[in-house]
């Protein structure tokens, strides 16, 4: 896929693994791995960072990334997000702390080990195809339903993963999240209904 993306996240994922922080890759990198690849200039990670991880996390990454321990502490306290910038590639890595709601916790638990590309040397945790679709639908809706990138990402995952999707899970959470009409539209466009 994208060599710079691998370079930008390799040390972050290594720090997660060393510190025992559960994580997964989401966003456009996950949709590219599970659907139709596209270029991207940032990476979305979801990680269960706790306040007792912050000092060691910053120390592990401070030589390769722009990293702000106070921003991380604020994100952990508010279950929000912070970003890092990989200094060599200038790729931004957005790290989201999972929300405490039922959907966010279930989605996080459904992550799985996979390779981002066939020639990649190691496995990483990637968000499930269904949750990539649901998150992309939500971002599409929050953006005023105008982002072709979000729409193309999610319909690409629907098309590529069509045989393996848990459609009951998709429909249940689309209903709970108020995304049913958008999911139906995307499924029609992808030829699933």
N, C-alpha and C. Protein backbone atom coordinates (compact mmCIF):
# COMPACT_ATOMS: atom_id res chain seq x y z
N UNK A 1 0.84 -1.18 0.00
CA UNK A 1 0.00 0.00 0.00
C UNK A 1 0.88 1.24 0.00
N UNK A 2 1.03 1.95 1.10
CA UNK A 2 1.74 3.22 1.12
C UNK A 2 2.94 3.13 2.04
N UNK A 3 4.16 3.09 1.49
CA UNK A 3 5.35 2.95 2.33
C UNK A 3 5.46 4.02 3.42
N UNK A 4 5.11 5.27 3.10
CA UNK A 4 5.20 6.33 4.09
C UNK A 4 4.24 6.10 5.26
N UNK A 5 3.08 5.53 4.97
CA UNK A 5 2.10 5.24 6.02
C UNK A 5 2.71 4.22 6.99
N UNK A 6 3.32 3.18 6.44
CA UNK A 6 3.96 2.17 7.30
C UNK A 6 5.04 2.82 8.17
N UNK A 7 5.84 3.67 7.56
CA UNK A 7 6.91 4.35 8.31
C UNK A 7 6.32 5.22 9.42
N UNK A 8 5.18 5.87 9.14
CA UNK A 8 4.58 6.79 10.11
C UNK A 8 3.94 6.09 11.29
N UNK A 9 3.51 4.85 11.11
CA UNK A 9 2.81 4.17 12.21
C UNK A 9 3.60 3.06 12.88
N UNK A 10 4.67 2.63 12.26
CA UNK A 10 5.43 1.48 12.79
C UNK A 10 5.83 1.67 14.26
N UNK A 11 6.41 2.82 14.59
CA UNK A 11 6.86 3.04 15.97
C UNK A 11 5.69 3.25 16.93
N UNK A 12 4.61 3.87 16.45
CA UNK A 12 3.44 4.06 17.30
C UNK A 12 2.85 2.71 17.69
N UNK A 13 2.69 1.84 16.70
CA UNK A 13 2.16 0.50 16.98
C UNK A 13 3.13 -0.28 17.86
N UNK A 14 4.42 -0.12 17.62
CA UNK A 14 5.41 -0.76 18.48
C UNK A 14 5.27 -0.31 19.93
N UNK A 15 5.04 0.99 20.13
CA UNK A 15 4.85 1.51 21.50
C UNK A 15 3.58 0.94 22.11
N UNK A 16 2.50 0.88 21.32
CA UNK A 16 1.26 0.27 21.83
C UNK A 16 1.52 -1.16 22.28
N UNK A 17 2.22 -1.91 21.46
CA UNK A 17 2.48 -3.32 21.78
C UNK A 17 3.35 -3.45 23.02
N UNK A 18 4.41 -2.67 23.09
CA UNK A 18 5.32 -2.72 24.24
C UNK A 18 4.61 -2.38 25.54
N UNK A 19 3.72 -1.38 25.49
CA UNK A 19 3.02 -0.92 26.69
C UNK A 19 1.73 -1.67 26.97
N UNK A 20 1.37 -2.62 26.09
CA UNK A 20 0.15 -3.39 26.29
C UNK A 20 -1.11 -2.58 26.07
N UNK A 21 -1.06 -1.63 25.14
CA UNK A 21 -2.22 -0.78 24.85
C UNK A 21 -2.99 -1.39 23.68
N UNK A 22 -4.24 -1.82 23.91
CA UNK A 22 -5.05 -2.33 22.80
C UNK A 22 -5.30 -1.20 21.79
N UNK A 23 -5.24 -1.51 20.50
CA UNK A 23 -5.40 -0.51 19.45
C UNK A 23 -5.98 -1.15 18.20
N UNK A 24 -6.39 -0.33 17.27
CA UNK A 24 -6.62 -0.78 15.89
C UNK A 24 -6.50 0.40 14.93
N UNK A 25 -6.26 0.07 13.68
CA UNK A 25 -6.20 1.06 12.61
C UNK A 25 -7.60 1.22 12.06
N UNK A 26 -8.02 2.45 11.86
CA UNK A 26 -9.34 2.72 11.29
C UNK A 26 -9.20 3.69 10.13
N UNK A 27 -10.28 4.41 9.85
CA UNK A 27 -10.27 5.46 8.84
C UNK A 27 -9.94 5.00 7.44
N UNK A 28 -9.30 5.89 6.68
CA UNK A 28 -9.04 5.62 5.27
C UNK A 28 -7.99 4.54 5.06
N UNK A 29 -7.09 4.34 6.02
CA UNK A 29 -6.12 3.25 5.88
C UNK A 29 -6.84 1.91 5.99
N UNK A 30 -7.76 1.79 6.96
CA UNK A 30 -8.53 0.55 7.09
C UNK A 30 -9.45 0.34 5.88
N UNK A 31 -10.10 1.41 5.42
CA UNK A 31 -10.99 1.25 4.26
C UNK A 31 -10.19 0.90 3.00
N UNK A 32 -8.96 1.40 2.90
CA UNK A 32 -8.10 1.03 1.76
C UNK A 32 -7.67 -0.43 1.84
N UNK A 33 -7.38 -0.90 3.06
CA UNK A 33 -6.97 -2.30 3.24
C UNK A 33 -8.13 -3.26 3.00
N UNK A 34 -9.34 -2.83 3.33
CA UNK A 34 -10.52 -3.71 3.24
C UNK A 34 -11.37 -3.46 2.00
N UNK A 35 -11.09 -2.37 1.31
CA UNK A 35 -11.91 -2.01 0.15
C UNK A 35 -11.04 -1.60 -1.02
N UNK A 36 -11.25 -0.38 -1.48
CA UNK A 36 -10.52 0.16 -2.63
C UNK A 36 -9.47 1.13 -2.11
N UNK A 37 -8.21 0.86 -2.45
CA UNK A 37 -7.10 1.69 -1.95
C UNK A 37 -7.17 3.09 -2.53
N UNK A 38 -6.80 4.05 -1.70
CA UNK A 38 -6.66 5.44 -2.15
C UNK A 38 -5.54 6.08 -1.35
N UNK A 39 -5.01 7.17 -1.88
CA UNK A 39 -3.96 7.87 -1.16
C UNK A 39 -4.56 8.60 0.04
N UNK A 40 -3.74 8.76 1.05
CA UNK A 40 -4.17 9.49 2.24
C UNK A 40 -2.95 10.17 2.85
N UNK A 41 -3.20 11.23 3.57
CA UNK A 41 -2.10 11.97 4.18
C UNK A 41 -2.11 11.87 5.70
N UNK A 42 -3.03 11.08 6.23
CA UNK A 42 -3.04 10.88 7.67
C UNK A 42 -3.51 9.47 7.99
N UNK A 43 -3.34 9.10 9.25
CA UNK A 43 -3.70 7.77 9.71
C UNK A 43 -4.56 7.93 10.96
N UNK A 44 -5.64 7.16 11.03
CA UNK A 44 -6.48 7.13 12.22
C UNK A 44 -6.23 5.84 12.99
N UNK A 45 -5.88 5.99 14.26
CA UNK A 45 -5.72 4.86 15.15
C UNK A 45 -6.69 5.03 16.30
N UNK A 46 -7.19 3.93 16.82
CA UNK A 46 -8.02 3.95 18.02
C UNK A 46 -7.25 3.16 19.06
N UNK A 47 -7.07 3.74 20.25
CA UNK A 47 -6.25 3.08 21.27
C UNK A 47 -6.78 3.35 22.66
N UNK A 48 -6.75 2.32 23.49
CA UNK A 48 -7.19 2.40 24.89
C UNK A 48 -6.04 2.87 25.78
N UNK A 49 -5.56 4.08 25.51
CA UNK A 49 -4.47 4.64 26.31
C UNK A 49 -5.04 5.09 27.66
N UNK A 50 -4.34 4.74 28.72
CA UNK A 50 -4.71 5.19 30.07
C UNK A 50 -3.68 6.23 30.53
N UNK A 51 -4.03 6.96 31.56
CA UNK A 51 -3.14 8.01 32.05
C UNK A 51 -1.78 7.45 32.49
N UNK A 52 -1.76 6.22 33.00
CA UNK A 52 -0.48 5.65 33.43
C UNK A 52 0.42 5.22 32.26
N UNK A 53 -0.10 5.25 31.03
CA UNK A 53 0.70 4.95 29.84
C UNK A 53 1.42 6.17 29.29
N UNK A 54 0.92 7.36 29.61
CA UNK A 54 1.31 8.57 28.86
C UNK A 54 2.81 8.84 28.92
N UNK A 55 3.40 8.83 30.08
CA UNK A 55 4.84 9.16 30.21
C UNK A 55 5.70 8.24 29.35
N UNK A 56 5.49 6.93 29.46
CA UNK A 56 6.29 5.97 28.69
C UNK A 56 6.00 6.08 27.20
N UNK A 57 4.75 6.37 26.84
CA UNK A 57 4.37 6.52 25.44
C UNK A 57 5.10 7.71 24.82
N UNK A 58 5.10 8.83 25.52
CA UNK A 58 5.81 10.02 25.03
C UNK A 58 7.30 9.75 24.93
N UNK A 59 7.87 9.14 25.95
CA UNK A 59 9.31 8.85 25.92
C UNK A 59 9.69 7.93 24.76
N UNK A 60 8.83 6.98 24.45
CA UNK A 60 9.11 6.04 23.36
C UNK A 60 9.10 6.70 21.99
N UNK A 61 8.32 7.78 21.85
CA UNK A 61 8.10 8.35 20.52
C UNK A 61 8.68 9.75 20.31
N UNK A 62 9.16 10.39 21.34
CA UNK A 62 9.52 11.80 21.25
C UNK A 62 10.64 12.12 20.25
N UNK A 63 11.45 11.15 19.89
CA UNK A 63 12.54 11.43 18.95
C UNK A 63 12.12 11.30 17.49
N UNK A 64 11.00 10.63 17.25
CA UNK A 64 10.53 10.43 15.87
C UNK A 64 9.29 11.23 15.52
N UNK A 65 8.60 11.77 16.54
CA UNK A 65 7.31 12.41 16.33
C UNK A 65 7.23 13.73 17.06
N UNK A 66 6.40 14.64 16.52
CA UNK A 66 5.94 15.74 17.33
C UNK A 66 4.87 15.12 18.22
N UNK A 67 5.02 15.22 19.53
CA UNK A 67 4.10 14.59 20.48
C UNK A 67 3.94 15.50 21.68
N UNK A 68 2.71 15.65 22.16
CA UNK A 68 2.40 16.55 23.26
C UNK A 68 1.71 15.76 24.37
N UNK A 69 2.44 15.51 25.45
CA UNK A 69 1.90 14.74 26.57
C UNK A 69 0.66 15.36 27.18
N UNK A 70 0.59 16.71 27.24
CA UNK A 70 -0.61 17.37 27.80
C UNK A 70 -1.83 17.12 26.92
N UNK A 71 -1.64 17.15 25.61
CA UNK A 71 -2.76 16.88 24.69
C UNK A 71 -3.24 15.44 24.84
N UNK A 72 -2.30 14.52 25.06
CA UNK A 72 -2.67 13.11 25.27
C UNK A 72 -3.45 12.97 26.57
N UNK A 73 -2.99 13.61 27.62
CA UNK A 73 -3.69 13.55 28.91
C UNK A 73 -5.10 14.10 28.79
N UNK A 74 -5.26 15.19 28.06
CA UNK A 74 -6.58 15.78 27.86
C UNK A 74 -7.49 14.82 27.08
N UNK A 75 -6.93 14.19 26.04
CA UNK A 75 -7.71 13.24 25.24
C UNK A 75 -8.13 12.04 26.07
N UNK A 76 -7.24 11.54 26.92
CA UNK A 76 -7.55 10.40 27.78
C UNK A 76 -8.66 10.79 28.76
N UNK A 77 -8.54 11.97 29.36
CA UNK A 77 -9.52 12.43 30.35
C UNK A 77 -10.91 12.63 29.74
N UNK A 78 -10.95 13.07 28.48
CA UNK A 78 -12.23 13.39 27.83
C UNK A 78 -12.66 12.35 26.78
N UNK A 79 -11.90 11.27 26.69
CA UNK A 79 -12.17 10.24 25.69
C UNK A 79 -12.37 10.88 24.31
N UNK A 80 -11.37 11.66 23.94
CA UNK A 80 -11.40 12.35 22.65
C UNK A 80 -10.20 11.91 21.81
N UNK A 81 -9.52 12.83 21.18
CA UNK A 81 -8.40 12.46 20.31
C UNK A 81 -7.24 13.42 20.46
N UNK A 82 -6.09 12.97 19.99
CA UNK A 82 -4.89 13.80 19.90
C UNK A 82 -4.17 13.40 18.64
N UNK A 83 -3.16 14.18 18.25
CA UNK A 83 -2.40 13.77 17.07
C UNK A 83 -0.91 13.84 17.31
N UNK A 84 -0.24 13.06 16.50
CA UNK A 84 1.22 13.00 16.44
C UNK A 84 1.60 13.36 15.01
N UNK A 85 2.79 13.87 14.82
CA UNK A 85 3.29 14.08 13.46
C UNK A 85 4.61 13.35 13.35
N UNK A 86 4.68 12.43 12.38
CA UNK A 86 5.91 11.69 12.12
C UNK A 86 6.88 12.64 11.43
N UNK A 87 7.99 12.95 12.08
CA UNK A 87 8.89 13.99 11.62
C UNK A 87 9.54 13.68 10.28
N UNK A 88 9.83 12.43 10.01
CA UNK A 88 10.50 12.08 8.74
C UNK A 88 9.58 12.26 7.55
N UNK A 89 8.31 11.85 7.68
CA UNK A 89 7.38 11.89 6.54
C UNK A 89 6.39 13.04 6.63
N UNK A 90 6.28 13.66 7.83
CA UNK A 90 5.30 14.71 8.12
C UNK A 90 3.85 14.21 7.99
N UNK A 91 3.67 12.90 8.14
CA UNK A 91 2.33 12.32 8.15
C UNK A 91 1.75 12.48 9.54
N UNK A 92 0.48 12.92 9.56
CA UNK A 92 -0.23 13.11 10.83
C UNK A 92 -0.90 11.80 11.22
N UNK A 93 -0.74 11.45 12.48
CA UNK A 93 -1.36 10.25 13.05
C UNK A 93 -2.36 10.72 14.09
N UNK A 94 -3.65 10.53 13.81
CA UNK A 94 -4.70 10.89 14.76
C UNK A 94 -5.01 9.67 15.62
N UNK A 95 -4.98 9.85 16.93
CA UNK A 95 -5.24 8.75 17.87
C UNK A 95 -6.52 9.09 18.62
N UNK A 96 -7.51 8.22 18.50
CA UNK A 96 -8.81 8.40 19.15
C UNK A 96 -8.89 7.45 20.34
N UNK A 97 -9.32 7.98 21.47
CA UNK A 97 -9.60 7.15 22.63
C UNK A 97 -11.04 6.69 22.47
N UNK A 98 -11.31 5.38 22.53
CA UNK A 98 -12.69 4.93 22.30
C UNK A 98 -13.67 5.52 23.31
N UNK A 99 -14.82 5.89 22.82
CA UNK A 99 -15.88 6.39 23.70
C UNK A 99 -16.32 5.25 24.62
N UNK A 100 -17.06 5.60 25.66
CA UNK A 100 -17.50 4.60 26.64
C UNK A 100 -18.86 4.00 26.27
N UNK A 101 -19.48 4.47 25.16
CA UNK A 101 -20.81 3.98 24.82
C UNK A 101 -20.76 2.54 24.29
N UNK A 102 -21.91 1.91 24.28
CA UNK A 102 -22.01 0.49 23.93
C UNK A 102 -21.48 0.21 22.52
N UNK A 103 -21.87 1.04 21.54
CA UNK A 103 -21.40 0.79 20.18
C UNK A 103 -19.88 0.89 20.09
N UNK A 104 -19.30 1.95 20.63
CA UNK A 104 -17.85 2.14 20.54
C UNK A 104 -17.11 0.97 21.17
N UNK A 105 -17.59 0.49 22.29
CA UNK A 105 -16.93 -0.63 22.97
C UNK A 105 -17.08 -1.93 22.17
N UNK A 106 -18.27 -2.17 21.60
CA UNK A 106 -18.45 -3.37 20.79
C UNK A 106 -17.60 -3.31 19.52
N UNK A 107 -17.59 -2.15 18.88
CA UNK A 107 -16.79 -1.98 17.66
C UNK A 107 -15.31 -2.22 17.95
N UNK A 108 -14.83 -1.68 19.07
CA UNK A 108 -13.42 -1.86 19.42
C UNK A 108 -13.10 -3.33 19.66
N UNK A 109 -14.03 -4.05 20.25
CA UNK A 109 -13.79 -5.47 20.56
C UNK A 109 -13.77 -6.35 19.29
N UNK A 110 -14.25 -5.83 18.17
CA UNK A 110 -14.35 -6.62 16.94
C UNK A 110 -13.13 -6.48 16.03
N UNK A 111 -12.14 -5.74 16.46
CA UNK A 111 -10.91 -5.57 15.67
C UNK A 111 -10.29 -6.94 15.41
N UNK A 112 -9.49 -7.04 14.36
CA UNK A 112 -8.84 -8.32 14.08
C UNK A 112 -7.44 -8.10 13.52
N UNK A 113 -6.59 -9.11 13.71
CA UNK A 113 -5.23 -9.05 13.18
C UNK A 113 -5.25 -9.33 11.69
N UNK A 114 -4.53 -8.51 10.95
CA UNK A 114 -4.46 -8.68 9.50
C UNK A 114 -3.23 -7.94 9.00
N UNK A 115 -2.93 -8.11 7.74
CA UNK A 115 -1.86 -7.36 7.10
C UNK A 115 -2.49 -6.22 6.32
N UNK A 116 -1.84 -5.06 6.34
CA UNK A 116 -2.35 -3.94 5.57
C UNK A 116 -2.12 -4.14 4.07
N UNK A 117 -1.10 -4.89 3.74
CA UNK A 117 -0.79 -5.18 2.33
C UNK A 117 -0.19 -6.57 2.26
N UNK A 118 -0.29 -7.19 1.10
CA UNK A 118 0.20 -8.56 0.94
C UNK A 118 1.69 -8.69 1.24
N UNK A 119 2.45 -7.64 0.93
CA UNK A 119 3.90 -7.72 1.13
C UNK A 119 4.34 -7.17 2.49
N UNK A 120 3.38 -6.80 3.34
CA UNK A 120 3.73 -6.28 4.66
C UNK A 120 4.27 -7.42 5.52
N UNK A 121 5.27 -7.10 6.33
CA UNK A 121 5.95 -8.13 7.11
C UNK A 121 5.24 -8.52 8.39
N UNK A 122 4.34 -7.71 8.88
CA UNK A 122 3.72 -8.04 10.17
C UNK A 122 2.24 -7.77 10.18
N UNK A 123 1.57 -8.41 11.12
CA UNK A 123 0.14 -8.21 11.28
C UNK A 123 -0.11 -7.07 12.26
N UNK A 124 -1.18 -6.35 12.00
CA UNK A 124 -1.62 -5.26 12.87
C UNK A 124 -3.11 -5.42 13.09
N UNK A 125 -3.61 -4.77 14.14
CA UNK A 125 -5.05 -4.80 14.37
C UNK A 125 -5.73 -3.76 13.48
N UNK A 126 -6.78 -4.22 12.79
CA UNK A 126 -7.54 -3.37 11.89
C UNK A 126 -9.01 -3.42 12.31
N UNK A 127 -9.67 -2.30 12.21
CA UNK A 127 -11.09 -2.22 12.50
C UNK A 127 -11.85 -3.16 11.56
N UNK A 128 -12.94 -3.74 12.04
CA UNK A 128 -13.71 -4.66 11.21
C UNK A 128 -14.33 -3.91 10.02
N UNK A 129 -14.60 -4.63 8.95
CA UNK A 129 -15.19 -4.03 7.75
C UNK A 129 -16.52 -3.36 8.08
N UNK A 130 -17.34 -4.03 8.89
CA UNK A 130 -18.64 -3.47 9.23
C UNK A 130 -18.50 -2.14 9.97
N UNK A 131 -17.54 -2.09 10.88
CA UNK A 131 -17.37 -0.86 11.66
C UNK A 131 -16.71 0.25 10.86
N UNK A 132 -15.86 -0.11 9.90
CA UNK A 132 -15.34 0.90 8.97
C UNK A 132 -16.52 1.52 8.22
N UNK A 133 -17.42 0.69 7.74
CA UNK A 133 -18.59 1.18 7.00
C UNK A 133 -19.44 2.10 7.87
N UNK A 134 -19.74 1.65 9.09
CA UNK A 134 -20.58 2.45 9.99
C UNK A 134 -19.91 3.77 10.36
N UNK A 135 -18.61 3.73 10.64
CA UNK A 135 -17.92 4.98 10.98
C UNK A 135 -17.85 5.92 9.78
N UNK A 136 -17.60 5.37 8.60
CA UNK A 136 -17.57 6.21 7.40
C UNK A 136 -18.95 6.81 7.12
N UNK A 137 -20.01 6.04 7.34
CA UNK A 137 -21.38 6.57 7.18
C UNK A 137 -21.62 7.73 8.16
N UNK A 138 -21.16 7.55 9.39
CA UNK A 138 -21.34 8.59 10.40
C UNK A 138 -20.56 9.85 10.03
N UNK A 139 -19.31 9.69 9.60
CA UNK A 139 -18.51 10.85 9.17
C UNK A 139 -19.14 11.52 7.95
N UNK A 140 -19.67 10.71 7.05
CA UNK A 140 -20.34 11.25 5.86
C UNK A 140 -21.53 12.11 6.28
N UNK A 141 -22.34 11.58 7.20
CA UNK A 141 -23.51 12.32 7.69
C UNK A 141 -23.08 13.60 8.41
N UNK A 142 -22.08 13.49 9.30
CA UNK A 142 -21.63 14.67 10.06
C UNK A 142 -21.05 15.75 9.15
N UNK A 143 -20.53 15.33 8.00
CA UNK A 143 -19.96 16.28 7.04
C UNK A 143 -20.98 16.85 6.07
N UNK A 144 -22.26 16.68 6.36
CA UNK A 144 -23.30 17.24 5.50
C UNK A 144 -23.63 16.39 4.28
N UNK A 145 -23.18 15.12 4.30
CA UNK A 145 -23.45 14.16 3.22
C UNK A 145 -22.96 14.66 1.86
N UNK A 146 -21.77 15.25 1.87
CA UNK A 146 -21.20 15.75 0.61
C UNK A 146 -19.82 15.17 0.28
N UNK A 147 -19.20 14.46 1.22
CA UNK A 147 -17.83 13.99 1.00
C UNK A 147 -17.80 12.76 0.09
N UNK A 148 -17.32 12.97 -1.13
CA UNK A 148 -17.18 11.84 -2.06
C UNK A 148 -16.15 10.84 -1.55
N UNK A 149 -15.11 11.32 -0.88
CA UNK A 149 -14.08 10.41 -0.35
C UNK A 149 -14.68 9.42 0.65
N UNK A 150 -15.44 9.95 1.64
CA UNK A 150 -16.05 9.07 2.64
C UNK A 150 -17.00 8.08 1.95
N UNK A 151 -17.81 8.59 1.03
CA UNK A 151 -18.78 7.74 0.35
C UNK A 151 -18.08 6.66 -0.47
N UNK A 152 -17.08 7.04 -1.23
CA UNK A 152 -16.35 6.06 -2.05
C UNK A 152 -15.62 5.04 -1.18
N UNK A 153 -15.08 5.50 -0.05
CA UNK A 153 -14.41 4.57 0.88
C UNK A 153 -15.40 3.50 1.36
N UNK A 154 -16.56 3.92 1.82
CA UNK A 154 -17.48 2.95 2.41
C UNK A 154 -18.12 2.06 1.35
N UNK A 155 -18.43 2.61 0.18
CA UNK A 155 -19.00 1.73 -0.86
C UNK A 155 -17.94 0.78 -1.39
N UNK A 156 -16.68 1.20 -1.39
CA UNK A 156 -15.60 0.29 -1.78
C UNK A 156 -15.49 -0.90 -0.84
N UNK A 157 -15.61 -0.66 0.47
CA UNK A 157 -15.57 -1.75 1.45
C UNK A 157 -16.79 -2.65 1.25
N UNK A 158 -17.96 -2.07 1.03
CA UNK A 158 -19.16 -2.88 0.78
C UNK A 158 -18.97 -3.80 -0.43
N UNK A 159 -18.41 -3.27 -1.51
CA UNK A 159 -18.23 -4.05 -2.73
C UNK A 159 -17.21 -5.17 -2.56
N UNK A 160 -16.07 -4.85 -1.95
CA UNK A 160 -15.00 -5.84 -1.81
C UNK A 160 -15.35 -6.91 -0.77
N UNK A 161 -15.98 -6.50 0.32
CA UNK A 161 -16.26 -7.42 1.43
C UNK A 161 -17.67 -8.03 1.35
N UNK A 162 -18.38 -7.81 0.29
CA UNK A 162 -19.81 -8.16 0.17
C UNK A 162 -20.15 -9.56 0.67
N UNK A 163 -19.33 -10.55 0.38
CA UNK A 163 -19.64 -11.93 0.76
C UNK A 163 -19.37 -12.21 2.24
N UNK A 164 -18.53 -11.42 2.85
CA UNK A 164 -18.11 -11.69 4.22
C UNK A 164 -18.74 -10.78 5.27
N UNK A 165 -19.53 -9.82 4.83
CA UNK A 165 -20.10 -8.86 5.77
C UNK A 165 -21.17 -9.48 6.66
N UNK A 166 -21.17 -9.07 7.91
CA UNK A 166 -22.24 -9.45 8.83
C UNK A 166 -23.33 -8.39 8.68
N UNK A 167 -24.28 -8.67 7.78
CA UNK A 167 -25.31 -7.69 7.45
C UNK A 167 -26.26 -7.45 8.61
N UNK A 168 -26.49 -8.46 9.45
CA UNK A 168 -27.34 -8.25 10.63
C UNK A 168 -26.70 -7.24 11.58
N UNK A 169 -25.41 -7.37 11.80
CA UNK A 169 -24.69 -6.42 12.65
C UNK A 169 -24.77 -5.01 12.05
N UNK A 170 -24.51 -4.92 10.74
CA UNK A 170 -24.57 -3.62 10.06
C UNK A 170 -25.94 -2.98 10.24
N UNK A 171 -26.99 -3.74 10.00
CA UNK A 171 -28.36 -3.19 10.08
C UNK A 171 -28.72 -2.81 11.51
N UNK A 172 -28.35 -3.65 12.46
CA UNK A 172 -28.67 -3.37 13.86
C UNK A 172 -28.05 -2.04 14.30
N UNK A 173 -26.75 -1.88 14.03
CA UNK A 173 -26.10 -0.66 14.50
C UNK A 173 -26.45 0.54 13.63
N UNK A 174 -26.72 0.35 12.36
CA UNK A 174 -27.18 1.47 11.53
C UNK A 174 -28.49 2.01 12.08
N UNK A 175 -29.36 1.11 12.50
CA UNK A 175 -30.63 1.53 13.11
C UNK A 175 -30.39 2.29 14.41
N UNK A 176 -29.54 1.73 15.28
CA UNK A 176 -29.25 2.37 16.57
C UNK A 176 -28.59 3.75 16.39
N UNK A 177 -27.78 3.89 15.35
CA UNK A 177 -27.02 5.12 15.14
C UNK A 177 -27.73 6.11 14.21
N UNK A 178 -28.92 5.73 13.74
CA UNK A 178 -29.67 6.62 12.85
C UNK A 178 -29.09 6.70 11.45
N UNK A 179 -28.50 5.60 11.00
CA UNK A 179 -27.82 5.57 9.70
C UNK A 179 -28.50 4.65 8.68
N UNK A 180 -29.70 4.16 8.99
CA UNK A 180 -30.34 3.15 8.13
C UNK A 180 -30.53 3.63 6.71
N UNK A 181 -31.05 4.85 6.51
CA UNK A 181 -31.29 5.34 5.15
C UNK A 181 -29.99 5.43 4.35
N UNK A 182 -28.94 5.92 4.99
CA UNK A 182 -27.65 6.01 4.30
C UNK A 182 -27.08 4.63 4.01
N UNK A 183 -27.21 3.70 4.95
CA UNK A 183 -26.72 2.34 4.72
C UNK A 183 -27.47 1.71 3.55
N UNK A 184 -28.80 1.84 3.52
CA UNK A 184 -29.59 1.29 2.41
C UNK A 184 -29.14 1.88 1.08
N UNK A 185 -28.94 3.18 1.04
CA UNK A 185 -28.48 3.84 -0.19
C UNK A 185 -27.13 3.29 -0.63
N UNK A 186 -26.19 3.16 0.33
CA UNK A 186 -24.85 2.65 0.01
C UNK A 186 -24.92 1.20 -0.45
N UNK A 187 -25.75 0.38 0.21
CA UNK A 187 -25.87 -1.02 -0.18
C UNK A 187 -26.47 -1.16 -1.57
N UNK A 188 -27.45 -0.31 -1.90
CA UNK A 188 -28.02 -0.33 -3.25
C UNK A 188 -26.95 0.04 -4.27
N UNK A 189 -26.20 1.10 -3.98
CA UNK A 189 -25.16 1.55 -4.91
C UNK A 189 -24.08 0.49 -5.10
N UNK A 190 -23.78 -0.26 -4.02
CA UNK A 190 -22.76 -1.31 -4.08
C UNK A 190 -23.30 -2.62 -4.65
N UNK A 191 -24.61 -2.66 -4.96
CA UNK A 191 -25.22 -3.86 -5.54
C UNK A 191 -25.52 -4.95 -4.53
N UNK A 192 -25.65 -4.60 -3.26
CA UNK A 192 -25.94 -5.61 -2.23
C UNK A 192 -27.43 -5.79 -2.00
N UNK A 193 -28.26 -4.83 -2.43
CA UNK A 193 -29.72 -4.98 -2.35
C UNK A 193 -30.35 -4.45 -3.63
